[in-house]
Amino acid sequence: MPQDCLFCKIFAGEIPSKEVFRDPEMMAFEDIRPVAPVHVLVIPKEHVPSVAEVQSQHQALLYRMVELANRIAEERQISREGYRLVFNKGPQAGQSVYHLHLHLLGGRAMGWPPG
C-alpha cells in the first residue's frame, strides 16, 4: 500500500468513510463530493493506480467492481431509469486519486457528452 494513497487508507480503515459495502477484497462508499443523488465509489483493496494499469490478471477484479456497482444501483432503485458507471484516467478526465475506482452515478438525468 502506498503510504500517501487516500483510497488505500480508506480501505485500511485509517480514514473514515460512509461505507456501502465491504469484503476482504473490495469496498464501496459514498463520494465525499457527490455530483448526483447517488454517487458511490467502488474500489479494490489492490492498489492499481488507474484504469490504464489494468492488466489481464485484473479481469475478475473489474468484473466484481461492475457487478457490485450494478447491485448497489438495484438497491438504490436507480436501475429502471438508468445510471452511469465511470472510470477516469488522469487529471483532464477528473482523476484526483490515483487508485483504481469506479463511479456509480444516478438518480438524475445525465447529459451527453459528459463534461
N, C-alpha and C. Protein backbone atom coordinates (compact mmCIF):
# COMPACT_ATOMS: atom_id res chain seq x y z
N MET A 1 0.85 -1.19 0.00
CA MET A 1 0.00 0.00 0.00
C MET A 1 0.89 1.24 0.00
N PRO A 2 0.76 2.08 -1.01
CA PRO A 2 1.48 3.35 -0.99
C PRO A 2 1.03 4.19 0.21
N GLN A 3 1.97 4.77 0.93
CA GLN A 3 1.66 5.49 2.17
C GLN A 3 0.77 6.70 1.94
N ASP A 4 0.81 7.29 0.76
CA ASP A 4 0.05 8.52 0.54
C ASP A 4 -1.26 8.31 -0.21
N CYS A 5 -1.67 7.06 -0.43
CA CYS A 5 -2.89 6.80 -1.20
C CYS A 5 -4.13 6.91 -0.30
N LEU A 6 -4.97 7.88 -0.62
CA LEU A 6 -6.19 8.12 0.14
C LEU A 6 -7.09 6.88 0.18
N PHE A 7 -7.29 6.24 -0.97
CA PHE A 7 -8.21 5.09 -1.01
C PHE A 7 -7.63 3.87 -0.30
N CYS A 8 -6.31 3.69 -0.34
CA CYS A 8 -5.70 2.61 0.45
C CYS A 8 -5.95 2.85 1.94
N LYS A 9 -5.85 4.10 2.36
CA LYS A 9 -6.09 4.45 3.76
C LYS A 9 -7.56 4.25 4.13
N ILE A 10 -8.46 4.59 3.22
CA ILE A 10 -9.89 4.36 3.47
C ILE A 10 -10.15 2.87 3.60
N PHE A 11 -9.59 2.07 2.69
CA PHE A 11 -9.80 0.63 2.74
C PHE A 11 -9.26 0.06 4.05
N ALA A 12 -8.12 0.57 4.50
CA ALA A 12 -7.50 0.08 5.73
C ALA A 12 -8.22 0.57 6.98
N GLY A 13 -9.19 1.48 6.83
CA GLY A 13 -9.92 1.99 7.98
C GLY A 13 -9.20 3.13 8.68
N GLU A 14 -8.14 3.65 8.09
CA GLU A 14 -7.39 4.75 8.68
C GLU A 14 -8.09 6.10 8.49
N ILE A 15 -8.94 6.16 7.47
CA ILE A 15 -9.73 7.36 7.19
C ILE A 15 -11.18 6.92 7.13
N PRO A 16 -12.07 7.60 7.84
CA PRO A 16 -13.48 7.17 7.83
C PRO A 16 -14.16 7.44 6.49
N SER A 17 -15.16 6.64 6.23
CA SER A 17 -15.99 6.81 5.03
C SER A 17 -17.39 6.33 5.34
N LYS A 18 -18.34 6.71 4.50
CA LYS A 18 -19.71 6.21 4.63
C LYS A 18 -19.81 4.95 3.78
N GLU A 19 -19.47 3.83 4.39
CA GLU A 19 -19.42 2.56 3.68
C GLU A 19 -20.79 2.11 3.21
N VAL A 20 -20.79 1.58 2.01
CA VAL A 20 -21.98 0.98 1.42
C VAL A 20 -21.82 -0.54 1.38
N PHE A 21 -20.58 -0.98 1.18
CA PHE A 21 -20.27 -2.41 1.07
C PHE A 21 -18.80 -2.61 1.42
N ARG A 22 -18.49 -3.78 2.00
CA ARG A 22 -17.09 -4.14 2.25
C ARG A 22 -16.98 -5.66 2.31
N ASP A 23 -15.93 -6.17 1.68
CA ASP A 23 -15.50 -7.54 1.88
C ASP A 23 -13.97 -7.50 1.90
N PRO A 24 -13.30 -8.62 2.01
CA PRO A 24 -11.84 -8.57 2.13
C PRO A 24 -11.11 -7.99 0.91
N GLU A 25 -11.74 -7.97 -0.25
CA GLU A 25 -11.06 -7.54 -1.47
C GLU A 25 -11.62 -6.27 -2.12
N MET A 26 -12.77 -5.80 -1.68
CA MET A 26 -13.43 -4.69 -2.35
C MET A 26 -14.29 -3.92 -1.37
N MET A 27 -14.48 -2.64 -1.67
CA MET A 27 -15.43 -1.86 -0.87
C MET A 27 -16.08 -0.81 -1.74
N ALA A 28 -17.21 -0.29 -1.24
CA ALA A 28 -17.92 0.80 -1.89
C ALA A 28 -18.28 1.79 -0.79
N PHE A 29 -18.22 3.07 -1.14
CA PHE A 29 -18.55 4.12 -0.18
C PHE A 29 -19.08 5.35 -0.90
N GLU A 30 -19.79 6.18 -0.14
CA GLU A 30 -20.35 7.41 -0.69
C GLU A 30 -19.23 8.39 -1.06
N ASP A 31 -19.35 9.01 -2.23
CA ASP A 31 -18.38 10.03 -2.63
C ASP A 31 -18.51 11.23 -1.70
N ILE A 32 -17.39 11.79 -1.31
CA ILE A 32 -17.40 12.93 -0.39
C ILE A 32 -17.91 14.21 -1.06
N ARG A 33 -17.81 14.27 -2.39
CA ARG A 33 -18.32 15.41 -3.17
C ARG A 33 -19.25 14.89 -4.27
N PRO A 34 -20.44 14.47 -3.89
CA PRO A 34 -21.33 13.86 -4.89
C PRO A 34 -21.77 14.84 -5.97
N VAL A 35 -21.88 14.33 -7.20
CA VAL A 35 -22.37 15.14 -8.32
C VAL A 35 -23.72 14.63 -8.81
N ALA A 36 -24.29 13.69 -8.07
CA ALA A 36 -25.61 13.14 -8.39
C ALA A 36 -26.21 12.65 -7.08
N PRO A 37 -27.53 12.47 -7.04
CA PRO A 37 -28.16 11.96 -5.82
C PRO A 37 -27.56 10.63 -5.35
N VAL A 38 -27.19 9.77 -6.29
CA VAL A 38 -26.45 8.56 -5.96
C VAL A 38 -25.06 8.72 -6.57
N HIS A 39 -24.05 8.73 -5.72
CA HIS A 39 -22.65 8.82 -6.18
C HIS A 39 -21.82 7.97 -5.24
N VAL A 40 -21.59 6.75 -5.66
CA VAL A 40 -20.87 5.77 -4.87
C VAL A 40 -19.59 5.39 -5.60
N LEU A 41 -18.50 5.25 -4.86
CA LEU A 41 -17.23 4.80 -5.42
C LEU A 41 -17.01 3.35 -5.05
N VAL A 42 -16.57 2.57 -6.03
CA VAL A 42 -16.23 1.17 -5.82
C VAL A 42 -14.73 1.05 -6.02
N ILE A 43 -14.03 0.52 -5.00
CA ILE A 43 -12.58 0.39 -5.08
C ILE A 43 -12.14 -1.02 -4.70
N PRO A 44 -11.05 -1.49 -5.32
CA PRO A 44 -10.46 -2.75 -4.88
C PRO A 44 -9.44 -2.50 -3.77
N LYS A 45 -9.17 -3.52 -2.99
CA LYS A 45 -8.11 -3.43 -1.99
C LYS A 45 -6.76 -3.27 -2.68
N GLU A 46 -6.57 -4.02 -3.77
CA GLU A 46 -5.31 -3.96 -4.51
C GLU A 46 -5.08 -2.56 -5.06
N HIS A 47 -3.90 -2.04 -4.84
CA HIS A 47 -3.58 -0.71 -5.35
C HIS A 47 -3.18 -0.81 -6.82
N VAL A 48 -4.07 -0.34 -7.68
CA VAL A 48 -3.80 -0.20 -9.11
C VAL A 48 -3.97 1.30 -9.36
N PRO A 49 -2.93 2.00 -9.85
CA PRO A 49 -3.00 3.46 -9.93
C PRO A 49 -4.13 4.02 -10.80
N SER A 50 -4.45 3.36 -11.89
CA SER A 50 -5.53 3.85 -12.75
C SER A 50 -5.98 2.74 -13.68
N VAL A 51 -7.02 3.02 -14.43
CA VAL A 51 -7.54 2.05 -15.39
C VAL A 51 -6.49 1.73 -16.46
N ALA A 52 -5.55 2.63 -16.69
CA ALA A 52 -4.50 2.39 -17.69
C ALA A 52 -3.54 1.29 -17.25
N GLU A 53 -3.46 1.01 -15.95
CA GLU A 53 -2.58 -0.04 -15.45
C GLU A 53 -3.27 -1.38 -15.28
N VAL A 54 -4.52 -1.47 -15.66
CA VAL A 54 -5.25 -2.73 -15.58
C VAL A 54 -4.64 -3.71 -16.58
N GLN A 55 -4.42 -4.94 -16.10
CA GLN A 55 -3.84 -5.98 -16.95
C GLN A 55 -4.75 -7.20 -16.96
N SER A 56 -4.36 -8.20 -17.74
CA SER A 56 -5.22 -9.38 -17.90
C SER A 56 -5.54 -10.05 -16.57
N GLN A 57 -4.64 -10.01 -15.62
CA GLN A 57 -4.91 -10.66 -14.33
C GLN A 57 -5.97 -9.91 -13.52
N HIS A 58 -6.40 -8.74 -13.98
CA HIS A 58 -7.42 -7.95 -13.28
C HIS A 58 -8.84 -8.20 -13.82
N GLN A 59 -9.00 -9.17 -14.69
CA GLN A 59 -10.33 -9.42 -15.27
C GLN A 59 -11.38 -9.66 -14.20
N ALA A 60 -11.10 -10.53 -13.26
CA ALA A 60 -12.08 -10.85 -12.22
C ALA A 60 -12.34 -9.63 -11.33
N LEU A 61 -11.31 -8.87 -11.07
CA LEU A 61 -11.44 -7.66 -10.25
C LEU A 61 -12.38 -6.66 -10.93
N LEU A 62 -12.19 -6.42 -12.21
CA LEU A 62 -13.06 -5.49 -12.93
C LEU A 62 -14.49 -6.00 -12.98
N TYR A 63 -14.65 -7.29 -13.20
CA TYR A 63 -15.99 -7.88 -13.20
C TYR A 63 -16.67 -7.66 -11.86
N ARG A 64 -15.96 -7.91 -10.77
CA ARG A 64 -16.54 -7.72 -9.43
C ARG A 64 -16.90 -6.27 -9.18
N MET A 65 -16.07 -5.33 -9.65
CA MET A 65 -16.36 -3.91 -9.46
C MET A 65 -17.67 -3.54 -10.16
N VAL A 66 -17.83 -3.98 -11.40
CA VAL A 66 -19.05 -3.67 -12.16
C VAL A 66 -20.24 -4.40 -11.54
N GLU A 67 -20.05 -5.65 -11.16
CA GLU A 67 -21.13 -6.41 -10.53
C GLU A 67 -21.61 -5.72 -9.25
N LEU A 68 -20.67 -5.25 -8.44
CA LEU A 68 -21.03 -4.56 -7.20
C LEU A 68 -21.76 -3.25 -7.49
N ALA A 69 -21.28 -2.49 -8.45
CA ALA A 69 -21.95 -1.24 -8.82
C ALA A 69 -23.37 -1.52 -9.30
N ASN A 70 -23.55 -2.55 -10.10
CA ASN A 70 -24.90 -2.91 -10.57
C ASN A 70 -25.81 -3.29 -9.41
N ARG A 71 -25.26 -4.02 -8.45
CA ARG A 71 -26.06 -4.43 -7.28
C ARG A 71 -26.46 -3.22 -6.43
N ILE A 72 -25.55 -2.29 -6.25
CA ILE A 72 -25.86 -1.08 -5.49
C ILE A 72 -26.90 -0.25 -6.22
N ALA A 73 -26.80 -0.18 -7.55
CA ALA A 73 -27.80 0.54 -8.34
C ALA A 73 -29.19 -0.06 -8.14
N GLU A 74 -29.26 -1.38 -8.09
CA GLU A 74 -30.54 -2.06 -7.82
C GLU A 74 -31.05 -1.70 -6.42
N GLU A 75 -30.16 -1.77 -5.44
CA GLU A 75 -30.54 -1.46 -4.06
C GLU A 75 -31.00 -0.01 -3.90
N ARG A 76 -30.37 0.89 -4.63
CA ARG A 76 -30.72 2.32 -4.55
C ARG A 76 -31.89 2.68 -5.47
N GLN A 77 -32.42 1.68 -6.17
CA GLN A 77 -33.59 1.81 -7.04
C GLN A 77 -33.38 2.83 -8.15
N ILE A 78 -32.19 2.78 -8.77
CA ILE A 78 -31.94 3.65 -9.92
C ILE A 78 -31.77 2.85 -11.21
N SER A 79 -31.92 1.53 -11.14
CA SER A 79 -31.72 0.69 -12.32
C SER A 79 -32.73 0.95 -13.43
N ARG A 80 -33.97 1.15 -13.06
CA ARG A 80 -35.02 1.31 -14.07
C ARG A 80 -34.81 2.55 -14.93
N GLU A 81 -34.52 3.67 -14.30
CA GLU A 81 -34.33 4.93 -15.03
C GLU A 81 -32.95 5.05 -15.63
N GLY A 82 -31.98 4.36 -15.07
CA GLY A 82 -30.64 4.35 -15.62
C GLY A 82 -29.61 4.99 -14.71
N TYR A 83 -28.37 4.65 -14.97
CA TYR A 83 -27.25 5.16 -14.19
C TYR A 83 -26.00 5.12 -15.06
N ARG A 84 -24.96 5.74 -14.58
CA ARG A 84 -23.70 5.81 -15.32
C ARG A 84 -22.59 5.21 -14.47
N LEU A 85 -21.72 4.43 -15.12
CA LEU A 85 -20.51 3.89 -14.50
C LEU A 85 -19.33 4.54 -15.19
N VAL A 86 -18.39 5.09 -14.39
CA VAL A 86 -17.29 5.87 -14.96
C VAL A 86 -15.96 5.49 -14.31
N PHE A 87 -14.97 5.23 -15.16
CA PHE A 87 -13.56 5.17 -14.75
C PHE A 87 -12.91 6.42 -15.34
N ASN A 88 -12.25 7.21 -14.53
CA ASN A 88 -11.50 8.37 -15.02
C ASN A 88 -10.02 8.01 -15.03
N LYS A 89 -9.28 8.54 -16.02
CA LYS A 89 -7.84 8.32 -16.09
C LYS A 89 -7.16 9.66 -16.33
N GLY A 90 -6.45 10.13 -15.33
CA GLY A 90 -5.66 11.34 -15.48
C GLY A 90 -6.41 12.61 -15.10
N PRO A 91 -5.67 13.69 -14.91
CA PRO A 91 -6.26 14.94 -14.43
C PRO A 91 -7.28 15.57 -15.39
N GLN A 92 -7.06 15.48 -16.68
CA GLN A 92 -8.03 16.08 -17.61
C GLN A 92 -9.36 15.34 -17.60
N ALA A 93 -9.34 14.09 -17.20
CA ALA A 93 -10.58 13.31 -17.10
C ALA A 93 -11.22 13.45 -15.73
N GLY A 94 -10.51 14.08 -14.79
CA GLY A 94 -11.06 14.28 -13.46
C GLY A 94 -10.54 13.34 -12.40
N GLN A 95 -9.54 12.50 -12.74
CA GLN A 95 -9.00 11.61 -11.72
C GLN A 95 -8.16 12.42 -10.74
N SER A 96 -8.53 12.36 -9.47
CA SER A 96 -7.79 13.09 -8.44
C SER A 96 -7.15 12.14 -7.42
N VAL A 97 -7.60 10.90 -7.37
CA VAL A 97 -6.99 9.89 -6.50
C VAL A 97 -6.47 8.78 -7.41
N TYR A 98 -5.19 8.50 -7.33
CA TYR A 98 -4.57 7.53 -8.22
C TYR A 98 -4.59 6.13 -7.62
N HIS A 99 -5.82 5.63 -7.53
CA HIS A 99 -6.14 4.27 -7.10
C HIS A 99 -7.39 3.92 -7.90
N LEU A 100 -7.35 2.82 -8.63
CA LEU A 100 -8.47 2.42 -9.48
C LEU A 100 -9.79 2.54 -8.72
N HIS A 101 -10.75 3.23 -9.32
CA HIS A 101 -12.08 3.35 -8.71
C HIS A 101 -13.12 3.56 -9.79
N LEU A 102 -14.30 3.07 -9.50
CA LEU A 102 -15.44 3.14 -10.40
C LEU A 102 -16.50 4.01 -9.75
N HIS A 103 -16.96 5.02 -10.49
CA HIS A 103 -18.04 5.89 -10.01
C HIS A 103 -19.37 5.30 -10.46
N LEU A 104 -20.29 5.17 -9.53
CA LEU A 104 -21.69 4.85 -9.83
C LEU A 104 -22.46 6.15 -9.63
N LEU A 105 -23.06 6.65 -10.71
CA LEU A 105 -23.80 7.92 -10.69
C LEU A 105 -25.22 7.68 -11.15
N GLY A 106 -26.18 8.22 -10.41
CA GLY A 106 -27.57 8.07 -10.82
C GLY A 106 -28.50 8.90 -9.97
N GLY A 107 -29.77 8.76 -10.27
CA GLY A 107 -30.78 9.49 -9.53
C GLY A 107 -31.17 10.81 -10.16
N ARG A 108 -30.59 11.10 -11.33
CA ARG A 108 -30.94 12.30 -12.09
C ARG A 108 -30.57 12.06 -13.55
N ALA A 109 -31.08 12.89 -14.44
CA ALA A 109 -30.74 12.79 -15.86
C ALA A 109 -29.28 13.18 -16.05
N MET A 110 -28.61 12.45 -16.89
CA MET A 110 -27.20 12.72 -17.20
C MET A 110 -27.12 13.28 -18.63
N GLY A 111 -26.31 14.30 -18.79
CA GLY A 111 -26.12 14.88 -20.13
C GLY A 111 -25.11 14.08 -20.95
N TRP A 112 -25.18 14.28 -22.26
CA TRP A 112 -24.19 13.67 -23.15
C TRP A 112 -23.84 14.68 -24.22
N PRO A 113 -22.59 14.90 -24.53
CA PRO A 113 -21.45 14.22 -23.94
C PRO A 113 -21.18 14.72 -22.54
N PRO A 114 -20.56 13.87 -21.70
CA PRO A 114 -20.24 14.30 -20.34
C PRO A 114 -19.16 15.36 -20.34
N GLY A 115 -19.11 16.13 -19.27
CA GLY A 115 -18.07 17.14 -19.11
C GLY A 115 -18.30 18.31 -19.94
